[in-house]
């Protein structure tokens, strides 16, 4: 059996050059991404998942730049033989003005082989 889809995404994005995590690490780099599974189901040997990818950086412009590159990488995720579909559902500014955390969030629909 393959690793959970979240682990595969984290490994893939890290290989693409983006430090990727399932949650904020204790001492995060200045630029990184967080993977969060919002929804999904498993039937037989196939899985579907709605995945949010938050691109986090010191400035809003840098967060947007990372977000755009991560979108391209996630759409190319289907080049792997265990990912059947990767579709961008939504993309928006997800910053927190109160603590000056700059992030963009992109939400993807994935279909994958378990």
C-alpha atoms as a PDB file:
ATOM      1  CA  UNK A   1       0.000   0.000   0.000  1.00  0.00           C
ATOM      2  CA  UNK A   2       1.208   3.512  -0.824  1.00  0.00           C
ATOM      3  CA  UNK A   3       1.663   6.265   1.789  1.00  0.00           C
ATOM      4  CA  UNK A   4      -1.313   8.575   2.495  1.00  0.00           C
ATOM      5  CA  UNK A   5      -1.914  11.210  -0.174  1.00  0.00           C
ATOM      6  CA  UNK A   6      -0.827  14.009   2.189  1.00  0.00           C
ATOM      7  CA  UNK A   7       2.604  12.395   2.614  1.00  0.00           C
ATOM      8  CA  UNK A   8       2.937  11.969  -1.151  1.00  0.00           C
ATOM      9  CA  UNK A   9       2.114  15.645  -1.730  1.00  0.00           C
ATOM     10  CA  UNK A  10       4.570  16.776   0.946  1.00  0.00           C
ATOM     11  CA  UNK A  11       7.320  14.643  -0.580  1.00  0.00           C
ATOM     12  CA  UNK A  12       6.496  15.798  -4.124  1.00  0.00           C
ATOM     13  CA  UNK A  13       6.429  19.532  -3.283  1.00  0.00           C
ATOM     14  CA  UNK A  14       9.639  19.192  -1.273  1.00  0.00           C
ATOM     15  CA  UNK A  15      11.249  17.558  -4.326  1.00  0.00           C
ATOM     16  CA  UNK A  16       9.977  20.537  -6.363  1.00  0.00           C
ATOM     17  CA  UNK A  17      11.925  22.839  -4.033  1.00  0.00           C
ATOM     18  CA  UNK A  18       9.173  23.938  -1.638  1.00  0.00           C
ATOM     19  CA  UNK A  19       9.620  23.056   2.037  1.00  0.00           C
ATOM     20  CA  UNK A  20       6.272  21.377   2.716  1.00  0.00           C
ATOM     21  CA  UNK A  21       4.687  20.341   6.003  1.00  0.00           C
ATOM     22  CA  UNK A  22       1.419  18.993   7.408  1.00  0.00           C
ATOM     23  CA  UNK A  23       1.500  21.704  10.088  1.00  0.00           C
ATOM     24  CA  UNK A  24       3.572  24.754  10.959  1.00  0.00           C
ATOM     25  CA  UNK A  25       6.978  23.525  12.150  1.00  0.00           C
ATOM     26  CA  UNK A  26       8.474  24.923  15.389  1.00  0.00           C
ATOM     27  CA  UNK A  27      11.165  26.882  13.499  1.00  0.00           C
ATOM     28  CA  UNK A  28       9.782  27.325   9.989  1.00  0.00           C
ATOM     29  CA  UNK A  29      11.839  28.619   7.082  1.00  0.00           C
ATOM     30  CA  UNK A  30      10.901  32.064   5.757  1.00  0.00           C
ATOM     31  CA  UNK A  31       9.053  30.503   2.806  1.00  0.00           C
ATOM     32  CA  UNK A  32       7.154  27.210   3.015  1.00  0.00           C
ATOM     33  CA  UNK A  33       3.873  25.467   2.278  1.00  0.00           C
ATOM     34  CA  UNK A  34       1.341  23.703   4.478  1.00  0.00           C
ATOM     35  CA  UNK A  35      -0.770  20.815   3.158  1.00  0.00           C
ATOM     36  CA  UNK A  36      -4.252  20.252   4.595  1.00  0.00           C
ATOM     37  CA  UNK A  37      -6.758  17.627   3.517  1.00  0.00           C
ATOM     38  CA  UNK A  38     -10.219  19.193   3.588  1.00  0.00           C
ATOM     39  CA  UNK A  39     -12.319  16.336   2.279  1.00  0.00           C
ATOM     40  CA  UNK A  40     -12.090  13.008   0.508  1.00  0.00           C
ATOM     41  CA  UNK A  41     -13.178   9.432   0.234  1.00  0.00           C
ATOM     42  CA  UNK A  42     -11.826   6.036  -0.689  1.00  0.00           C
ATOM     43  CA  UNK A  43     -13.545   3.460  -2.872  1.00  0.00           C
ATOM     44  CA  UNK A  44     -11.801   0.226  -3.750  1.00  0.00           C
ATOM     45  CA  UNK A  45      -8.340   1.136  -5.051  1.00  0.00           C
ATOM     46  CA  UNK A  46      -9.086   4.819  -5.799  1.00  0.00           C
ATOM     47  CA  UNK A  47      -9.162   7.852  -3.567  1.00  0.00           C
ATOM     48  CA  UNK A  48     -10.405  11.388  -3.977  1.00  0.00           C
ATOM     49  CA  UNK A  49      -9.202  14.289  -1.894  1.00  0.00           C
ATOM     50  CA  UNK A  50      -9.746  17.992  -1.658  1.00  0.00           C
ATOM     51  CA  UNK A  51      -6.397  19.455  -0.626  1.00  0.00           C
ATOM     52  CA  UNK A  52      -5.626  23.010   0.519  1.00  0.00           C
ATOM     53  CA  UNK A  53      -2.068  24.194  -0.054  1.00  0.00           C
ATOM     54  CA  UNK A  54      -1.109  27.335   1.860  1.00  0.00           C
ATOM     55  CA  UNK A  55       1.912  29.240   0.519  1.00  0.00           C
ATOM     56  CA  UNK A  56       3.487  31.247   3.340  1.00  0.00           C
ATOM     57  CA  UNK A  57       6.150  33.975   3.020  1.00  0.00           C
ATOM     58  CA  UNK A  58       7.381  37.200   4.683  1.00  0.00           C
ATOM     59  CA  UNK A  59       5.509  39.407   2.180  1.00  0.00           C
ATOM     60  CA  UNK A  60       2.218  39.133   0.337  1.00  0.00           C
ATOM     61  CA  UNK A  61       3.991  39.391  -3.017  1.00  0.00           C
ATOM     62  CA  UNK A  62       6.314  36.494  -2.145  1.00  0.00           C
ATOM     63  CA  UNK A  63       3.381  34.388  -0.941  1.00  0.00           C
ATOM     64  CA  UNK A  64       1.581  35.028  -4.241  1.00  0.00           C
ATOM     65  CA  UNK A  65       4.704  34.110  -6.241  1.00  0.00           C
ATOM     66  CA  UNK A  66       5.092  30.839  -4.321  1.00  0.00           C
ATOM     67  CA  UNK A  67       1.374  30.132  -4.749  1.00  0.00           C
ATOM     68  CA  UNK A  68       1.579  30.522  -8.533  1.00  0.00           C
ATOM     69  CA  UNK A  69       4.588  28.182  -8.737  1.00  0.00           C
ATOM     70  CA  UNK A  70       2.956  25.630  -6.418  1.00  0.00           C
ATOM     71  CA  UNK A  71      -0.182  25.668  -8.583  1.00  0.00           C
ATOM     72  CA  UNK A  72       1.932  24.777 -11.629  1.00  0.00           C
ATOM     73  CA  UNK A  73       3.667  21.998  -9.676  1.00  0.00           C
ATOM     74  CA  UNK A  74       0.386  20.591  -8.357  1.00  0.00           C
ATOM     75  CA  UNK A  75      -1.171  20.579 -11.840  1.00  0.00           C
ATOM     76  CA  UNK A  76       1.894  18.664 -13.052  1.00  0.00           C
ATOM     77  CA  UNK A  77       1.410  16.148 -10.204  1.00  0.00           C
ATOM     78  CA  UNK A  78      -0.453  13.897 -12.666  1.00  0.00           C
ATOM     79  CA  UNK A  79       2.877  13.102 -14.333  1.00  0.00           C
ATOM     80  CA  UNK A  80       3.334  10.600 -11.518  1.00  0.00           C
ATOM     81  CA  UNK A  81       1.795   7.219 -12.204  1.00  0.00           C
ATOM     82  CA  UNK A  82      -0.184   7.155  -8.921  1.00  0.00           C
ATOM     83  CA  UNK A  83      -2.076  10.441  -9.493  1.00  0.00           C
ATOM     84  CA  UNK A  84      -4.974  10.314 -11.963  1.00  0.00           C
ATOM     85  CA  UNK A  85      -6.238  13.904 -11.670  1.00  0.00           C
ATOM     86  CA  UNK A  86      -5.170  17.221 -10.186  1.00  0.00           C
ATOM     87  CA  UNK A  87      -7.546  20.145 -10.729  1.00  0.00           C
ATOM     88  CA  UNK A  88      -7.382  23.631  -9.226  1.00  0.00           C
ATOM     89  CA  UNK A  89     -10.736  24.408  -7.591  1.00  0.00           C
ATOM     90  CA  UNK A  90      -9.999  27.777  -5.990  1.00  0.00           C
ATOM     91  CA  UNK A  91      -7.223  30.206  -5.119  1.00  0.00           C
ATOM     92  CA  UNK A  92      -7.322  33.203  -2.782  1.00  0.00           C
ATOM     93  CA  UNK A  93      -5.478  35.431  -0.326  1.00  0.00           C
ATOM     94  CA  UNK A  94      -5.512  33.701   3.076  1.00  0.00           C
ATOM     95  CA  UNK A  95      -3.413  36.215   5.012  1.00  0.00           C
ATOM     96  CA  UNK A  96      -3.915  37.069   8.670  1.00  0.00           C
ATOM     97  CA  UNK A  97      -3.605  40.830   9.078  1.00  0.00           C
ATOM     98  CA  UNK A  98      -3.603  40.606  12.873  1.00  0.00           C
ATOM     99  CA  UNK A  99      -0.304  38.725  13.072  1.00  0.00           C
ATOM    100  CA  UNK A 100       1.122  39.768   9.677  1.00  0.00           C
ATOM    101  CA  UNK A 101       1.155  36.208   8.348  1.00  0.00           C
ATOM    102  CA  UNK A 102       1.095  36.402   4.564  1.00  0.00           C
ATOM    103  CA  UNK A 103      -0.330  33.424   2.724  1.00  0.00           C
ATOM    104  CA  UNK A 104      -2.219  32.377  -0.324  1.00  0.00           C
ATOM    105  CA  UNK A 105      -4.288  29.236  -0.415  1.00  0.00           C
ATOM    106  CA  UNK A 106      -4.964  27.054  -3.432  1.00  0.00           C
ATOM    107  CA  UNK A 107      -7.519  24.244  -3.215  1.00  0.00           C
ATOM    108  CA  UNK A 108      -7.152  21.183  -5.443  1.00  0.00           C
ATOM    109  CA  UNK A 109      -9.299  18.203  -6.288  1.00  0.00           C
ATOM    110  CA  UNK A 110      -7.193  15.050  -6.590  1.00  0.00           C
ATOM    111  CA  UNK A 111      -7.972  11.541  -7.761  1.00  0.00           C
ATOM    112  CA  UNK A 112      -5.279   9.039  -6.882  1.00  0.00           C
ATOM    113  CA  UNK A 113      -4.479   5.355  -6.685  1.00  0.00           C
ATOM    114  CA  UNK A 114      -4.200   3.970  -3.173  1.00  0.00           C
END
